């Protein structure tokens, strides 16, 4: 199970929780909480054939640096960046960003993957609450390394950030 995401080049370092985890006051429809990234339970976990799908708000301390980078030259500076996803079995899955898809309206980036592919997709909003187009970033696996328990299992402290 994915537990932490780090994109050092963007100063992103967040614990990861399941989208099914409830946070008091989070709002309707499993509105994503703040201060964490979430893994989408309809997709796979790192190290398994298929797509791992992680998302977080485009807010300070979260995925805002991804959004800002995508707005410059369609995210060209993101290409080649390394993404570390830690898992509960004390492993570090290293991915490299290969594609930036702005204004995405669906999950086709995940669903159009070859059947034997392992990939990571990161998603964040492109506008205020309720904005449909999303930023999606595709990354492909590079290597899997051992990690320490402390590195792989940060304490998640999600807080509600739904504002009616």
C-alpha atoms as a PDB file:
ATOM      1  CA  UNK A   1       0.000   0.000   0.000  1.00  0.00           C
ATOM      2  CA  UNK A   2       1.305   3.459  -0.942  1.00  0.00           C
ATOM      3  CA  UNK A   3       2.204   5.493   2.145  1.00  0.00           C
ATOM      4  CA  UNK A   4       4.274   8.509   1.063  1.00  0.00           C
ATOM      5  CA  UNK A   5       5.080  10.513  -2.069  1.00  0.00           C
ATOM      6  CA  UNK A   6       8.185  12.625  -2.541  1.00  0.00           C
ATOM      7  CA  UNK A   7       9.075  14.785  -5.529  1.00  0.00           C
ATOM      8  CA  UNK A   8      12.258  16.376  -4.249  1.00  0.00           C
ATOM      9  CA  UNK A   9      12.674  18.719  -7.225  1.00  0.00           C
ATOM     10  CA  UNK A  10       9.306  20.319  -6.344  1.00  0.00           C
ATOM     11  CA  UNK A  11       9.607  20.146  -2.543  1.00  0.00           C
ATOM     12  CA  UNK A  12       6.631  17.786  -2.358  1.00  0.00           C
ATOM     13  CA  UNK A  13       6.613  15.313   0.540  1.00  0.00           C
ATOM     14  CA  UNK A  14       3.217  14.002   1.628  1.00  0.00           C
ATOM     15  CA  UNK A  15       1.843  10.994   3.461  1.00  0.00           C
ATOM     16  CA  UNK A  16      -0.633   8.986   1.391  1.00  0.00           C
ATOM     17  CA  UNK A  17      -3.965   7.654   2.621  1.00  0.00           C
ATOM     18  CA  UNK A  18      -6.798   5.737   0.991  1.00  0.00           C
ATOM     19  CA  UNK A  19      -9.548   7.772  -0.621  1.00  0.00           C
ATOM     20  CA  UNK A  20     -11.907   5.677   1.486  1.00  0.00           C
ATOM     21  CA  UNK A  21     -10.499   6.999   4.765  1.00  0.00           C
ATOM     22  CA  UNK A  22     -12.974   9.359   6.366  1.00  0.00           C
ATOM     23  CA  UNK A  23     -11.840  12.656   7.849  1.00  0.00           C
ATOM     24  CA  UNK A  24     -14.201  14.457  10.188  1.00  0.00           C
ATOM     25  CA  UNK A  25     -15.632  17.513   8.456  1.00  0.00           C
ATOM     26  CA  UNK A  26     -14.215  16.655   5.049  1.00  0.00           C
ATOM     27  CA  UNK A  27     -17.438  17.494   3.219  1.00  0.00           C
ATOM     28  CA  UNK A  28     -19.611  15.567   0.780  1.00  0.00           C
ATOM     29  CA  UNK A  29     -18.631  12.862  -1.685  1.00  0.00           C
ATOM     30  CA  UNK A  30     -15.330  11.954  -0.029  1.00  0.00           C
ATOM     31  CA  UNK A  31     -14.009  15.461  -0.716  1.00  0.00           C
ATOM     32  CA  UNK A  32     -10.219  15.090  -0.495  1.00  0.00           C
ATOM     33  CA  UNK A  33      -8.682  16.230   2.782  1.00  0.00           C
ATOM     34  CA  UNK A  34      -5.649  18.500   3.028  1.00  0.00           C
ATOM     35  CA  UNK A  35      -2.065  17.717   4.061  1.00  0.00           C
ATOM     36  CA  UNK A  36      -2.096  14.266   2.414  1.00  0.00           C
ATOM     37  CA  UNK A  37      -2.181  12.669  -1.015  1.00  0.00           C
ATOM     38  CA  UNK A  38      -4.740   9.953  -1.671  1.00  0.00           C
ATOM     39  CA  UNK A  39      -4.579   6.723  -3.593  1.00  0.00           C
ATOM     40  CA  UNK A  40      -7.540   5.894  -5.749  1.00  0.00           C
ATOM     41  CA  UNK A  41      -8.837   2.475  -4.699  1.00  0.00           C
ATOM     42  CA  UNK A  42     -10.134   1.622  -8.197  1.00  0.00           C
ATOM     43  CA  UNK A  43      -6.526   1.352  -9.345  1.00  0.00           C
ATOM     44  CA  UNK A  44      -3.451  -0.682  -8.365  1.00  0.00           C
ATOM     45  CA  UNK A  45      -0.725  -0.227  -5.790  1.00  0.00           C
ATOM     46  CA  UNK A  46       2.970   0.356  -6.659  1.00  0.00           C
ATOM     47  CA  UNK A  47       4.789  -2.758  -7.851  1.00  0.00           C
ATOM     48  CA  UNK A  48       1.674  -4.316  -9.371  1.00  0.00           C
ATOM     49  CA  UNK A  49       0.887  -4.414 -13.088  1.00  0.00           C
ATOM     50  CA  UNK A  50      -1.472  -1.569 -13.880  1.00  0.00           C
ATOM     51  CA  UNK A  51      -1.830   2.053 -12.847  1.00  0.00           C
ATOM     52  CA  UNK A  52      -1.238   3.550  -9.428  1.00  0.00           C
ATOM     53  CA  UNK A  53      -3.345   6.716  -9.194  1.00  0.00           C
ATOM     54  CA  UNK A  54      -2.470   9.363  -6.596  1.00  0.00           C
ATOM     55  CA  UNK A  55      -4.049  12.766  -6.172  1.00  0.00           C
ATOM     56  CA  UNK A  56      -3.989  15.816  -3.927  1.00  0.00           C
ATOM     57  CA  UNK A  57      -5.225  19.379  -3.915  1.00  0.00           C
ATOM     58  CA  UNK A  58      -3.329  22.098  -5.766  1.00  0.00           C
ATOM     59  CA  UNK A  59      -2.620  23.937  -2.521  1.00  0.00           C
ATOM     60  CA  UNK A  60       0.470  25.117  -0.685  1.00  0.00           C
ATOM     61  CA  UNK A  61       2.233  22.146   0.888  1.00  0.00           C
ATOM     62  CA  UNK A  62       0.472  19.720  -1.444  1.00  0.00           C
ATOM     63  CA  UNK A  63       0.457  19.367  -5.280  1.00  0.00           C
ATOM     64  CA  UNK A  64       0.460  23.110  -6.068  1.00  0.00           C
ATOM     65  CA  UNK A  65       4.071  22.924  -7.385  1.00  0.00           C
ATOM     66  CA  UNK A  66       2.913  20.341  -9.967  1.00  0.00           C
ATOM     67  CA  UNK A  67       0.189  22.679 -11.201  1.00  0.00           C
ATOM     68  CA  UNK A  68       2.515  25.708 -11.313  1.00  0.00           C
ATOM     69  CA  UNK A  69       5.161  23.764 -13.252  1.00  0.00           C
ATOM     70  CA  UNK A  70       2.539  22.524 -15.732  1.00  0.00           C
ATOM     71  CA  UNK A  71       1.468  26.083 -16.501  1.00  0.00           C
ATOM     72  CA  UNK A  72       4.922  26.952 -17.830  1.00  0.00           C
ATOM     73  CA  UNK A  73       5.620  25.585 -21.324  1.00  0.00           C
ATOM     74  CA  UNK A  74       2.975  22.871 -20.782  1.00  0.00           C
ATOM     75  CA  UNK A  75       5.016  21.297 -18.022  1.00  0.00           C
ATOM     76  CA  UNK A  76       8.218  20.707 -19.981  1.00  0.00           C
ATOM     77  CA  UNK A  77      10.287  21.150 -16.803  1.00  0.00           C
ATOM     78  CA  UNK A  78       8.465  18.194 -15.207  1.00  0.00           C
ATOM     79  CA  UNK A  79       9.637  15.721 -17.836  1.00  0.00           C
ATOM     80  CA  UNK A  80      12.372  13.523 -16.408  1.00  0.00           C
ATOM     81  CA  UNK A  81      11.671  14.471 -12.792  1.00  0.00           C
ATOM     82  CA  UNK A  82      11.867  11.607 -10.303  1.00  0.00           C
ATOM     83  CA  UNK A  83       8.950  10.631  -8.086  1.00  0.00           C
ATOM     84  CA  UNK A  84       9.439   8.419  -5.039  1.00  0.00           C
ATOM     85  CA  UNK A  85       6.459   6.463  -3.767  1.00  0.00           C
ATOM     86  CA  UNK A  86       7.001   4.590  -0.530  1.00  0.00           C
ATOM     87  CA  UNK A  87       4.963   1.568   0.476  1.00  0.00           C
ATOM     88  CA  UNK A  88       3.957  -0.116   3.735  1.00  0.00           C
ATOM     89  CA  UNK A  89       6.364  -2.996   3.032  1.00  0.00           C
ATOM     90  CA  UNK A  90       9.279  -0.541   3.451  1.00  0.00           C
ATOM     91  CA  UNK A  91      10.086  -0.108  -0.224  1.00  0.00           C
ATOM     92  CA  UNK A  92      10.774   2.968  -2.311  1.00  0.00           C
ATOM     93  CA  UNK A  93       9.345   2.832  -5.825  1.00  0.00           C
ATOM     94  CA  UNK A  94      11.125   5.337  -8.041  1.00  0.00           C
ATOM     95  CA  UNK A  95       9.331   6.655 -11.126  1.00  0.00           C
ATOM     96  CA  UNK A  96      10.295   9.149 -13.825  1.00  0.00           C
ATOM     97  CA  UNK A  97       7.784  11.613 -15.270  1.00  0.00           C
ATOM     98  CA  UNK A  98       7.283  10.989 -18.987  1.00  0.00           C
ATOM     99  CA  UNK A  99       4.117  12.894 -19.842  1.00  0.00           C
ATOM    100  CA  UNK A 100       2.128  15.905 -18.686  1.00  0.00           C
ATOM    101  CA  UNK A 101      -1.552  16.023 -19.626  1.00  0.00           C
ATOM    102  CA  UNK A 102      -3.255  19.320 -18.891  1.00  0.00           C
ATOM    103  CA  UNK A 103      -7.027  19.825 -18.947  1.00  0.00           C
ATOM    104  CA  UNK A 104      -7.815  16.099 -18.607  1.00  0.00           C
ATOM    105  CA  UNK A 105     -11.519  15.301 -18.506  1.00  0.00           C
ATOM    106  CA  UNK A 106     -11.384  11.572 -17.825  1.00  0.00           C
ATOM    107  CA  UNK A 107      -9.208   8.625 -16.794  1.00  0.00           C
ATOM    108  CA  UNK A 108      -8.108   7.739 -20.358  1.00  0.00           C
ATOM    109  CA  UNK A 109      -4.430   8.226 -19.490  1.00  0.00           C
ATOM    110  CA  UNK A 110      -4.812   5.306 -17.075  1.00  0.00           C
ATOM    111  CA  UNK A 111      -7.201   3.210 -19.135  1.00  0.00           C
ATOM    112  CA  UNK A 112      -5.206   3.522 -22.393  1.00  0.00           C
ATOM    113  CA  UNK A 113      -2.070   1.972 -20.861  1.00  0.00           C
ATOM    114  CA  UNK A 114      -0.798  -1.293 -22.365  1.00  0.00           C
ATOM    115  CA  UNK A 115      -2.163  -4.284 -20.406  1.00  0.00           C
ATOM    116  CA  UNK A 116       1.254  -5.250 -18.995  1.00  0.00           C
ATOM    117  CA  UNK A 117       2.318  -1.711 -18.054  1.00  0.00           C
ATOM    118  CA  UNK A 118       3.144  -0.456 -14.594  1.00  0.00           C
ATOM    119  CA  UNK A 119       2.669   3.277 -14.309  1.00  0.00           C
ATOM    120  CA  UNK A 120       1.960   6.068 -11.887  1.00  0.00           C
ATOM    121  CA  UNK A 121      -0.464   8.911 -12.474  1.00  0.00           C
ATOM    122  CA  UNK A 122      -0.534  12.016 -10.299  1.00  0.00           C
ATOM    123  CA  UNK A 123      -3.569  14.278 -10.465  1.00  0.00           C
ATOM    124  CA  UNK A 124      -4.444  17.703  -9.153  1.00  0.00           C
ATOM    125  CA  UNK A 125      -7.050  20.347  -9.856  1.00  0.00           C
ATOM    126  CA  UNK A 126      -6.546  23.147 -12.323  1.00  0.00           C
ATOM    127  CA  UNK A 127      -9.003  25.499 -10.675  1.00  0.00           C
ATOM    128  CA  UNK A 128     -11.246  26.030  -7.673  1.00  0.00           C
ATOM    129  CA  UNK A 129     -13.533  23.389  -6.185  1.00  0.00           C
ATOM    130  CA  UNK A 130     -15.831  21.905  -8.800  1.00  0.00           C
ATOM    131  CA  UNK A 131     -13.489  22.566 -11.720  1.00  0.00           C
ATOM    132  CA  UNK A 132     -13.675  19.562 -14.041  1.00  0.00           C
ATOM    133  CA  UNK A 133     -10.399  19.669 -16.019  1.00  0.00           C
ATOM    134  CA  UNK A 134      -7.519  18.167 -14.064  1.00  0.00           C
ATOM    135  CA  UNK A 135      -3.790  18.029 -14.445  1.00  0.00           C
ATOM    136  CA  UNK A 136      -2.522  14.463 -14.861  1.00  0.00           C
ATOM    137  CA  UNK A 137       1.156  13.549 -14.813  1.00  0.00           C
ATOM    138  CA  UNK A 138       2.302  10.122 -16.026  1.00  0.00           C
ATOM    139  CA  UNK A 139       5.427   8.496 -14.607  1.00  0.00           C
ATOM    140  CA  UNK A 140       7.038   5.165 -15.426  1.00  0.00           C
ATOM    141  CA  UNK A 141       8.937   2.891 -13.026  1.00  0.00           C
ATOM    142  CA  UNK A 142      12.716   3.188 -12.799  1.00  0.00           C
ATOM    143  CA  UNK A 143      13.645   1.000  -9.819  1.00  0.00           C
ATOM    144  CA  UNK A 144      12.531  -0.348  -6.468  1.00  0.00           C
ATOM    145  CA  UNK A 145      14.769   0.154  -3.442  1.00  0.00           C
ATOM    146  CA  UNK A 146      14.589  -0.843   0.212  1.00  0.00           C
ATOM    147  CA  UNK A 147      13.706   1.927   2.637  1.00  0.00           C
ATOM    148  CA  UNK A 148      13.531   2.304   6.367  1.00  0.00           C
ATOM    149  CA  UNK A 149      10.312   2.042   8.304  1.00  0.00           C
ATOM    150  CA  UNK A 150      10.619   5.724   9.276  1.00  0.00           C
ATOM    151  CA  UNK A 151      10.989   6.801   5.622  1.00  0.00           C
ATOM    152  CA  UNK A 152       8.164   4.612   4.370  1.00  0.00           C
ATOM    153  CA  UNK A 153       5.588   5.224   7.076  1.00  0.00           C
ATOM    154  CA  UNK A 154       5.145   8.890   7.919  1.00  0.00           C
ATOM    155  CA  UNK A 155       2.328   9.798  10.228  1.00  0.00           C
ATOM    156  CA  UNK A 156      -0.605  11.107   8.213  1.00  0.00           C
ATOM    157  CA  UNK A 157      -2.472  14.029   9.735  1.00  0.00           C
ATOM    158  CA  UNK A 158      -5.250  14.732   7.241  1.00  0.00           C
ATOM    159  CA  UNK A 159      -7.447  17.700   7.941  1.00  0.00           C
ATOM    160  CA  UNK A 160     -10.651  18.802   6.282  1.00  0.00           C
ATOM    161  CA  UNK A 161     -10.327  21.515   3.680  1.00  0.00           C
ATOM    162  CA  UNK A 162     -13.843  21.558   2.281  1.00  0.00           C
ATOM    163  CA  UNK A 163     -15.194  25.087   2.302  1.00  0.00           C
ATOM    164  CA  UNK A 164     -18.906  25.324   1.452  1.00  0.00           C
END
